[in-house]
Amino acid sequence: MQWPNISPEYLTYALQLGQAALFALIGSLIIIALRTTLKKQLLKIYPDALRVNVMARIMTYALFFLLTTVILQQFGINMTAIIGAAGVIGVAIGFAAQTSVANIISGLFLTFEHPFSLNDSVIINNVEGKVQALDLFAVTICTFDNKIVRISNEQVLKATITNVSKKRERRYNTSIEIVAQADPKQAIALINQLPQELPYLIKDKAPFIAITEANGSYTHIAIGVWTTQKEWGTTRAAFLADVKKVFSDAGIALATKNVTVQ
């Protein structure tokens, strides 16, 4: 059997290609291991998973760029020439890349300004939910009805950010209407007692109560009661039903006008 004639140049190229593939595999495994180790160590001294993930991702991109540079140099490719050409091309496509660059810069500002952390409940551009991730281009929010929303970092940096998780306590605002014949002073007294009777409310913080409208049909009462972030969902789900029961037991009838929730 006669083996095909293979020129030394092809053998050399095949050997270089094999070495590059092996180097890429080993290098990638080392970078992944370094990223995992770095994240663990950073979380010990800086327990903020959101920003640790961003820093680890930046390090990963830099190391992969370095690995790619080393591999290309194995094939005799002049990286200086490539970088120079990239600079020329960069001028041509710079206008098209403005949005991406703005998002990256905004992402770095968000990383170091610390307006929110992982799993914080926030309101950004009328989107309310929990922060799931911050990467170089966008912030990912999981809404309370389980939808994933990505907002570009540039928009987030320009937006008004409401972080409702920064404080342990949070006020739940709502309102009710009682019939005009009911005694508003009795209703106010009952509301003032609610923190002592409802386990999800903070007992040592008095409710906010204000009569905002009174006419021949109903008396409108604005209510603000204090709860914890942990009990916020329970308060939102149960408070109005509990108020209705307390008023019903006291013989105070609610008006037919709908209540409002904030």
Protein backbone atom coordinates (compact mmCIF):
# COMPACT_ATOMS: atom_id res chain seq x y z
CA MET A 1 0.00 0.00 0.00
CA GLN A 2 1.41 3.35 -0.99
CA TRP A 3 0.87 6.30 1.40
CA PRO A 4 -0.05 9.61 -0.23
CA ASN A 5 2.68 12.14 -0.62
CA ILE A 6 2.21 14.85 2.04
CA SER A 7 4.45 17.86 1.87
CA PRO A 8 6.36 18.91 4.98
CA GLU A 9 4.53 22.25 4.92
CA TYR A 10 1.15 20.53 5.38
CA LEU A 11 2.54 18.37 8.19
CA THR A 12 3.89 21.45 9.92
CA TYR A 13 0.57 23.25 9.52
CA ALA A 14 -1.37 20.23 10.83
CA LEU A 15 0.96 20.00 13.83
CA GLN A 16 0.52 23.71 14.56
CA LEU A 17 -3.25 23.36 14.26
CA GLY A 18 -3.27 20.42 16.67
CA GLN A 19 -1.09 22.31 19.14
CA ALA A 20 -3.37 25.35 18.90
CA ALA A 21 -6.49 23.24 19.50
CA LEU A 22 -4.86 21.57 22.52
CA PHE A 23 -3.64 24.91 23.83
CA ALA A 24 -7.13 26.41 23.38
CA LEU A 25 -8.74 23.51 25.25
CA ILE A 26 -6.29 23.58 28.16
CA GLY A 27 -6.37 27.39 28.29
CA SER A 28 -10.18 27.48 28.32
CA LEU A 29 -10.33 24.95 31.18
CA ILE A 30 -7.79 26.99 33.16
CA ILE A 31 -9.73 30.24 32.56
CA ILE A 32 -13.01 28.61 33.68
CA ALA A 33 -11.29 27.26 36.81
CA LEU A 34 -9.77 30.69 37.53
CA ARG A 35 -13.15 32.36 37.10
CA THR A 36 -14.80 29.92 39.53
CA THR A 37 -12.00 30.36 42.08
CA LEU A 38 -12.03 34.15 41.73
CA LYS A 39 -15.79 34.32 42.27
CA LYS A 40 -15.55 32.19 45.42
CA GLN A 41 -12.74 34.29 46.86
CA LEU A 42 -14.37 37.62 45.99
CA LEU A 43 -17.67 36.54 47.54
CA LYS A 44 -15.83 35.89 50.82
CA ILE A 45 -14.57 39.47 51.04
CA TYR A 46 -17.27 41.23 49.01
CA PRO A 47 -20.62 39.43 49.36
CA ASP A 48 -22.36 41.02 46.38
CA ALA A 49 -23.01 38.37 43.76
CA LEU A 50 -24.24 40.89 41.19
CA ARG A 51 -20.99 42.83 41.02
CA VAL A 52 -18.75 39.82 41.55
CA ASN A 53 -20.33 38.26 38.45
CA VAL A 54 -19.57 41.40 36.42
CA MET A 55 -15.94 41.50 37.58
CA ALA A 56 -15.49 37.79 36.89
CA ARG A 57 -17.00 38.21 33.43
CA ILE A 58 -14.64 41.09 32.59
CA MET A 59 -11.67 39.00 33.74
CA THR A 60 -12.90 36.06 31.63
CA TYR A 61 -13.20 38.20 28.49
CA ALA A 62 -9.70 39.62 29.04
CA LEU A 63 -8.15 36.18 29.53
CA PHE A 64 -9.89 34.74 26.48
CA PHE A 65 -8.61 37.68 24.43
CA LEU A 66 -5.10 36.99 25.72
CA LEU A 67 -5.46 33.28 24.93
CA THR A 68 -6.63 34.06 21.40
CA THR A 69 -3.67 36.42 20.91
CA VAL A 70 -1.19 33.74 22.00
CA ILE A 71 -2.76 31.13 19.72
CA LEU A 72 -2.70 33.43 16.69
CA GLN A 73 0.93 34.23 17.34
CA GLN A 74 1.69 30.51 17.12
CA PHE A 75 0.68 30.76 13.46
CA GLY A 76 2.97 33.72 12.92
CA ILE A 77 0.12 36.24 12.74
CA ASN A 78 1.26 39.77 13.58
CA MET A 79 -1.10 41.05 16.26
CA THR A 80 0.25 44.58 15.97
CA ALA A 81 -0.92 44.73 12.37
CA ILE A 82 -4.33 43.32 13.33
CA ILE A 83 -4.75 45.85 16.13
CA GLY A 84 -3.74 48.65 13.74
CA ALA A 85 -6.23 47.45 11.16
CA ALA A 86 -8.87 47.14 13.86
CA GLY A 87 -8.23 50.77 14.75
CA VAL A 88 -8.87 51.86 11.19
CA ILE A 89 -11.97 49.70 10.93
CA GLY A 90 -13.08 50.93 14.33
CA VAL A 91 -13.22 54.49 13.04
CA ALA A 92 -15.46 53.32 10.21
CA ILE A 93 -17.88 51.40 12.42
CA GLY A 94 -17.62 53.65 15.46
CA PHE A 95 -20.96 55.32 14.86
CA ALA A 96 -22.69 51.93 14.62
CA ALA A 97 -21.09 50.80 17.88
CA GLN A 98 -21.96 53.88 19.93
CA THR A 99 -24.93 52.18 21.61
CA SER A 100 -22.87 49.14 22.65
CA VAL A 101 -20.07 51.30 24.02
CA ALA A 102 -22.58 53.45 25.92
CA ASN A 103 -24.14 50.33 27.43
CA ILE A 104 -20.75 48.97 28.51
CA ILE A 105 -19.75 52.27 30.13
CA SER A 106 -23.16 52.55 31.80
CA GLY A 107 -22.79 48.97 33.04
CA LEU A 108 -19.47 49.87 34.69
CA PHE A 109 -21.08 52.90 36.37
CA LEU A 110 -23.93 50.71 37.66
CA THR A 111 -21.39 48.18 38.93
CA PHE A 112 -19.55 50.69 41.08
CA GLU A 113 -22.39 53.04 42.03
CA HIS A 114 -24.30 50.17 43.63
CA PRO A 115 -27.94 51.32 43.16
CA PHE A 116 -29.18 47.73 43.61
CA SER A 117 -28.01 44.22 44.43
CA LEU A 118 -28.95 40.74 43.27
CA ASN A 119 -32.60 39.87 44.10
CA ASP A 120 -33.43 43.44 45.14
CA SER A 121 -36.98 44.51 44.31
CA VAL A 122 -36.77 47.53 42.02
CA ILE A 123 -38.90 49.70 39.76
CA ILE A 124 -37.11 50.84 36.57
CA ASN A 125 -38.94 52.42 33.64
CA ASN A 126 -42.26 51.28 35.13
CA VAL A 127 -40.98 47.68 35.25
CA GLU A 128 -41.26 46.21 38.76
CA GLY A 129 -39.55 43.01 39.79
CA LYS A 130 -36.40 41.42 41.21
CA VAL A 131 -32.93 41.98 39.77
CA GLN A 132 -31.68 38.75 38.22
CA ALA A 133 -28.45 39.86 36.53
CA LEU A 134 -26.29 42.80 35.54
CA ASP A 135 -24.04 42.22 32.54
CA LEU A 136 -22.05 44.54 30.28
CA PHE A 137 -25.04 45.47 28.13
CA ALA A 138 -28.27 45.13 30.13
CA VAL A 139 -29.96 44.58 33.46
CA THR A 140 -32.25 41.55 33.68
CA ILE A 141 -35.37 41.82 35.86
CA CYS A 142 -37.82 39.04 36.73
CA THR A 143 -41.26 40.62 37.21
CA PHE A 144 -43.61 39.44 39.92
CA ASP A 145 -45.74 37.67 37.30
CA ASN A 146 -42.61 35.72 36.25
CA LYS A 147 -41.65 37.57 33.07
CA ILE A 148 -38.02 38.25 32.16
CA VAL A 149 -37.35 41.86 31.10
CA ARG A 150 -33.98 43.14 29.85
CA ILE A 151 -33.34 46.88 30.05
CA SER A 152 -30.21 48.32 28.45
CA ASN A 153 -27.66 49.70 30.90
CA GLU A 154 -27.79 53.13 29.26
CA GLN A 155 -31.56 53.34 29.86
CA VAL A 156 -31.18 52.12 33.46
CA LEU A 157 -28.50 54.72 34.19
CA LYS A 158 -30.75 57.50 32.85
CA ALA A 159 -33.91 56.20 34.54
CA THR A 160 -35.27 56.87 38.00
CA ILE A 161 -34.45 53.73 39.98
CA THR A 162 -36.72 52.90 42.89
CA ASN A 163 -35.14 50.27 45.14
CA VAL A 164 -37.74 49.02 47.60
CA SER A 165 -35.41 46.45 49.18
CA LYS A 166 -32.82 48.81 50.64
CA LYS A 167 -34.83 49.32 53.82
CA ARG A 168 -36.09 46.55 56.09
CA GLU A 169 -39.46 48.29 56.52
CA ARG A 170 -41.90 49.25 53.78
CA ARG A 171 -45.22 51.07 53.91
CA TYR A 172 -48.21 49.49 52.20
CA ASN A 173 -50.59 52.15 50.89
CA THR A 174 -54.24 51.57 50.11
CA SER A 175 -57.62 53.21 50.68
CA ILE A 176 -61.18 52.28 51.58
CA GLU A 177 -64.57 53.92 51.44
CA ILE A 178 -67.11 53.55 54.23
CA VAL A 179 -70.75 54.52 53.94
CA ALA A 180 -71.56 58.12 54.84
CA GLN A 181 -73.64 57.02 57.83
CA ALA A 182 -70.66 55.26 59.50
CA ASP A 183 -68.66 57.04 62.20
CA PRO A 184 -65.22 57.92 60.73
CA LYS A 185 -63.70 58.28 64.21
CA GLN A 186 -64.65 54.68 64.99
CA ALA A 187 -63.14 53.58 61.66
CA ILE A 188 -59.89 55.44 62.41
CA ALA A 189 -59.70 53.86 65.88
CA LEU A 190 -60.11 50.39 64.35
CA ILE A 191 -57.36 51.06 61.80
CA ASN A 192 -55.01 52.25 64.53
CA GLN A 193 -55.47 48.89 66.28
CA LEU A 194 -54.67 46.82 63.20
CA PRO A 195 -50.88 46.56 63.83
CA GLN A 196 -51.63 44.92 67.16
CA GLU A 197 -54.06 42.43 65.62
CA LEU A 198 -52.50 41.49 62.27
CA PRO A 199 -49.26 39.47 62.61
CA TYR A 200 -47.72 40.66 59.33
CA LEU A 201 -47.75 44.35 60.35
CA ILE A 202 -45.08 46.08 62.43
CA LYS A 203 -46.58 46.64 65.86
CA ASP A 204 -44.58 49.68 66.99
CA LYS A 205 -45.20 51.85 63.91
CA ALA A 206 -48.47 53.75 63.80
CA PRO A 207 -50.45 53.66 60.53
CA PHE A 208 -50.87 56.69 58.33
CA ILE A 209 -54.60 57.59 58.19
CA ALA A 210 -56.23 60.48 56.35
CA ILE A 211 -59.81 61.28 55.34
CA THR A 212 -59.37 62.55 51.79
CA GLU A 213 -63.02 62.88 50.75
CA ALA A 214 -66.42 62.92 52.42
CA ASN A 215 -69.78 63.33 50.69
CA GLY A 216 -73.35 62.08 50.92
CA SER A 217 -72.44 58.63 49.60
CA TYR A 218 -69.16 57.63 51.26
CA THR A 219 -66.14 58.70 53.28
CA HIS A 220 -62.80 57.99 51.60
CA ILE A 221 -59.98 57.01 53.98
CA ALA A 222 -56.34 56.70 52.83
CA ILE A 223 -54.35 54.14 54.81
CA GLY A 224 -50.65 53.41 55.08
CA VAL A 225 -49.52 50.52 57.27
CA TRP A 226 -45.96 49.37 57.91
CA THR A 227 -44.67 45.89 57.19
CA THR A 228 -41.33 44.22 56.47
CA GLN A 229 -39.95 43.34 53.06
CA LYS A 230 -40.40 39.68 54.00
CA GLU A 231 -44.11 40.17 54.78
CA TRP A 232 -44.84 42.53 51.87
CA GLY A 233 -46.49 39.87 49.73
CA THR A 234 -48.64 38.67 52.63
CA THR A 235 -49.70 42.22 53.45
CA ARG A 236 -50.63 43.00 49.87
CA ALA A 237 -52.67 39.81 49.59
CA ALA A 238 -54.42 39.80 52.97
CA PHE A 239 -54.73 43.35 54.31
CA LEU A 240 -57.92 44.50 52.57
CA ALA A 241 -59.73 41.26 53.37
CA ASP A 242 -58.72 41.59 57.03
CA VAL A 243 -59.85 45.22 57.13
CA LYS A 244 -63.21 44.26 55.66
CA LYS A 245 -63.67 41.60 58.35
CA VAL A 246 -62.69 43.96 61.18
CA PHE A 247 -65.10 46.61 59.93
CA SER A 248 -67.86 44.06 59.40
CA ASP A 249 -67.44 42.74 62.96
CA ALA A 250 -67.70 46.33 64.25
CA GLY A 251 -70.86 46.99 62.21
CA ILE A 252 -69.20 49.46 59.80
CA ALA A 253 -70.35 48.98 56.21
CA LEU A 254 -68.01 49.61 53.30
CA ALA A 255 -69.29 51.70 50.40
CA THR A 256 -69.76 50.06 47.03
CA LYS A 257 -67.05 52.24 45.47
CA ASN A 258 -63.95 50.17 44.75
CA VAL A 259 -60.93 50.39 47.02
CA THR A 260 -57.57 51.39 45.57
CA VAL A 261 -54.22 49.77 46.09
CA GLN A 262 -50.73 51.27 45.69
